[in-house]
Amino acid sequence: MTPHPKRKTSKGRRDRRRAHDALSRPHLIACPTCKQPRPPHQVCLNCGTYRGREVVEIEEDES
């Protein structure tokens, strides 16, 4: 036997339970070198710098 609910869950109770399920927008800051948005505490994917130093060498696309 599988368990079944004794009472129907109301729309209000269901929606209150789902109140915290919304996705939040990612927090981004402007890179001090190239001014492109990037996540904090991560290397900038546009210019390859972190804390004023070049950490990753970025190849330029010639297309």
N, C-alpha and C. Protein backbone atom coordinates (compact mmCIF):
# COMPACT_ATOMS: atom_id res chain seq x y z
N MET A 1 0.84 -1.18 0.00
CA MET A 1 0.00 0.00 0.00
C MET A 1 0.88 1.24 0.00
N THR A 2 0.49 2.17 -0.81
CA THR A 2 1.23 3.42 -0.86
C THR A 2 0.49 4.47 -0.05
N PRO A 3 1.21 5.36 0.62
CA PRO A 3 0.55 6.38 1.43
C PRO A 3 -0.13 7.43 0.55
N HIS A 4 -1.28 7.89 1.01
CA HIS A 4 -2.04 8.91 0.30
C HIS A 4 -2.35 10.04 1.27
N PRO A 5 -2.41 11.27 0.76
CA PRO A 5 -2.76 12.37 1.65
C PRO A 5 -4.21 12.24 2.14
N LYS A 6 -4.43 12.61 3.40
CA LYS A 6 -5.78 12.53 3.96
C LYS A 6 -6.64 13.68 3.49
N ARG A 7 -6.03 14.84 3.31
CA ARG A 7 -6.77 16.03 2.88
C ARG A 7 -6.06 16.66 1.69
N LYS A 8 -6.81 17.37 0.86
CA LYS A 8 -6.23 18.09 -0.28
C LYS A 8 -5.41 19.27 0.24
N THR A 9 -4.20 19.44 -0.29
CA THR A 9 -3.39 20.59 0.08
C THR A 9 -3.96 21.82 -0.61
N SER A 10 -4.24 22.85 0.18
CA SER A 10 -4.86 24.05 -0.39
C SER A 10 -3.84 24.82 -1.24
N LYS A 11 -4.38 25.66 -2.11
CA LYS A 11 -3.50 26.44 -2.99
C LYS A 11 -2.63 27.40 -2.18
N GLY A 12 -3.19 27.93 -1.14
CA GLY A 12 -2.42 28.86 -0.29
C GLY A 12 -1.26 28.18 0.38
N ARG A 13 -1.50 26.99 0.95
CA ARG A 13 -0.42 26.25 1.61
C ARG A 13 0.64 25.84 0.60
N ARG A 14 0.20 25.38 -0.56
CA ARG A 14 1.13 24.98 -1.61
C ARG A 14 1.99 26.16 -2.05
N ASP A 15 1.37 27.32 -2.26
CA ASP A 15 2.11 28.49 -2.73
C ASP A 15 3.04 29.06 -1.66
N ARG A 16 2.61 28.99 -0.40
CA ARG A 16 3.50 29.45 0.68
C ARG A 16 4.73 28.56 0.77
N ARG A 17 4.57 27.28 0.54
CA ARG A 17 5.72 26.36 0.56
C ARG A 17 6.68 26.68 -0.57
N ARG A 18 6.14 27.11 -1.70
CA ARG A 18 6.98 27.41 -2.87
C ARG A 18 7.51 28.84 -2.87
N ALA A 19 7.27 29.60 -1.82
CA ALA A 19 7.65 31.02 -1.80
C ALA A 19 9.17 31.21 -1.89
N HIS A 20 9.93 30.23 -1.46
CA HIS A 20 11.39 30.37 -1.44
C HIS A 20 12.06 29.70 -2.63
N ASP A 21 11.29 29.23 -3.59
CA ASP A 21 11.84 28.49 -4.72
C ASP A 21 12.26 29.37 -5.89
N ALA A 22 12.02 30.68 -5.81
CA ALA A 22 12.33 31.57 -6.93
C ALA A 22 13.84 31.67 -7.12
N LEU A 23 14.28 31.78 -8.35
CA LEU A 23 15.69 31.94 -8.65
C LEU A 23 16.11 33.38 -8.44
N SER A 24 17.29 33.59 -7.92
CA SER A 24 17.82 34.95 -7.74
C SER A 24 18.80 35.25 -8.87
N ARG A 25 18.89 36.53 -9.20
CA ARG A 25 19.80 36.94 -10.26
C ARG A 25 21.24 36.81 -9.78
N PRO A 26 22.18 36.43 -10.65
CA PRO A 26 23.57 36.31 -10.21
C PRO A 26 24.15 37.68 -9.88
N HIS A 27 24.91 37.76 -8.79
CA HIS A 27 25.53 39.01 -8.37
C HIS A 27 26.77 39.25 -9.24
N LEU A 28 26.84 40.38 -9.91
CA LEU A 28 27.96 40.70 -10.78
C LEU A 28 28.53 42.05 -10.38
N ILE A 29 29.84 42.20 -10.58
CA ILE A 29 30.50 43.48 -10.37
C ILE A 29 31.23 43.84 -11.66
N ALA A 30 31.61 45.10 -11.80
CA ALA A 30 32.35 45.55 -12.98
C ALA A 30 33.84 45.26 -12.78
N CYS A 31 34.46 44.66 -13.78
CA CYS A 31 35.90 44.39 -13.73
C CYS A 31 36.63 45.74 -13.72
N PRO A 32 37.57 45.96 -12.80
CA PRO A 32 38.27 47.25 -12.77
C PRO A 32 39.15 47.49 -14.00
N THR A 33 39.53 46.45 -14.70
CA THR A 33 40.40 46.62 -15.87
C THR A 33 39.61 46.90 -17.14
N CYS A 34 38.63 46.05 -17.44
CA CYS A 34 37.91 46.18 -18.72
C CYS A 34 36.46 46.63 -18.55
N LYS A 35 36.00 46.80 -17.30
CA LYS A 35 34.64 47.28 -17.00
C LYS A 35 33.53 46.33 -17.43
N GLN A 36 33.84 45.07 -17.74
CA GLN A 36 32.82 44.09 -18.10
C GLN A 36 32.28 43.44 -16.82
N PRO A 37 31.01 43.03 -16.78
CA PRO A 37 30.49 42.38 -15.58
C PRO A 37 31.10 41.00 -15.38
N ARG A 38 31.41 40.70 -14.13
CA ARG A 38 31.99 39.40 -13.77
C ARG A 38 31.57 39.07 -12.35
N PRO A 39 31.54 37.77 -11.98
CA PRO A 39 31.23 37.40 -10.59
C PRO A 39 32.35 37.86 -9.66
N PRO A 40 32.03 38.22 -8.43
CA PRO A 40 33.08 38.64 -7.50
C PRO A 40 33.99 37.47 -7.13
N HIS A 41 35.23 37.76 -6.86
CA HIS A 41 36.25 36.79 -6.43
C HIS A 41 36.53 35.75 -7.50
N GLN A 42 36.39 36.11 -8.77
CA GLN A 42 36.70 35.19 -9.87
C GLN A 42 37.48 35.94 -10.94
N VAL A 43 38.24 35.20 -11.72
CA VAL A 43 39.01 35.78 -12.81
C VAL A 43 38.05 36.30 -13.87
N CYS A 44 38.34 37.47 -14.41
CA CYS A 44 37.52 38.04 -15.49
C CYS A 44 37.76 37.22 -16.75
N LEU A 45 36.67 36.72 -17.34
CA LEU A 45 36.80 35.90 -18.55
C LEU A 45 37.08 36.75 -19.78
N ASN A 46 36.85 38.06 -19.69
CA ASN A 46 37.07 38.93 -20.84
C ASN A 46 38.55 39.33 -20.98
N CYS A 47 39.17 39.73 -19.87
CA CYS A 47 40.56 40.19 -19.96
C CYS A 47 41.55 39.28 -19.23
N GLY A 48 41.08 38.35 -18.39
CA GLY A 48 41.96 37.40 -17.73
C GLY A 48 42.69 37.94 -16.52
N THR A 49 42.19 39.03 -15.92
CA THR A 49 42.87 39.61 -14.76
C THR A 49 42.12 39.29 -13.49
N TYR A 50 42.86 39.26 -12.38
CA TYR A 50 42.29 39.12 -11.05
C TYR A 50 43.14 39.92 -10.09
N ARG A 51 42.52 40.81 -9.35
CA ARG A 51 43.18 41.70 -8.39
C ARG A 51 44.33 42.47 -9.01
N GLY A 52 44.11 42.97 -10.24
CA GLY A 52 45.09 43.82 -10.89
C GLY A 52 46.21 43.09 -11.60
N ARG A 53 46.23 41.77 -11.56
CA ARG A 53 47.28 41.00 -12.23
C ARG A 53 46.68 40.12 -13.30
N GLU A 54 47.43 39.91 -14.39
CA GLU A 54 46.96 39.00 -15.45
C GLU A 54 47.22 37.57 -14.99
N VAL A 55 46.15 36.82 -14.84
CA VAL A 55 46.24 35.46 -14.33
C VAL A 55 46.10 34.45 -15.46
N VAL A 56 45.21 34.75 -16.42
CA VAL A 56 44.94 33.87 -17.54
C VAL A 56 45.22 34.65 -18.82
N GLU A 57 45.97 34.01 -19.72
CA GLU A 57 46.25 34.66 -20.99
C GLU A 57 45.06 34.40 -21.94
N ILE A 58 44.47 35.49 -22.44
CA ILE A 58 43.30 35.40 -23.31
C ILE A 58 43.77 35.57 -24.76
N GLU A 59 43.38 34.59 -25.60
CA GLU A 59 43.72 34.67 -27.02
C GLU A 59 42.66 35.48 -27.76
N GLU A 60 43.07 36.35 -28.64
CA GLU A 60 42.16 37.16 -29.44
C GLU A 60 41.67 36.34 -30.62
N ASP A 61 40.35 36.33 -30.88
CA ASP A 61 39.79 35.66 -32.05
C ASP A 61 39.93 36.55 -33.27
N GLU A 62 40.44 35.99 -34.35
CA GLU A 62 40.59 36.74 -35.59
C GLU A 62 39.56 36.22 -36.60
N SER A 63 38.31 36.59 -36.39
CA SER A 63 37.26 36.12 -37.30
C SER A 63 36.46 37.28 -37.83
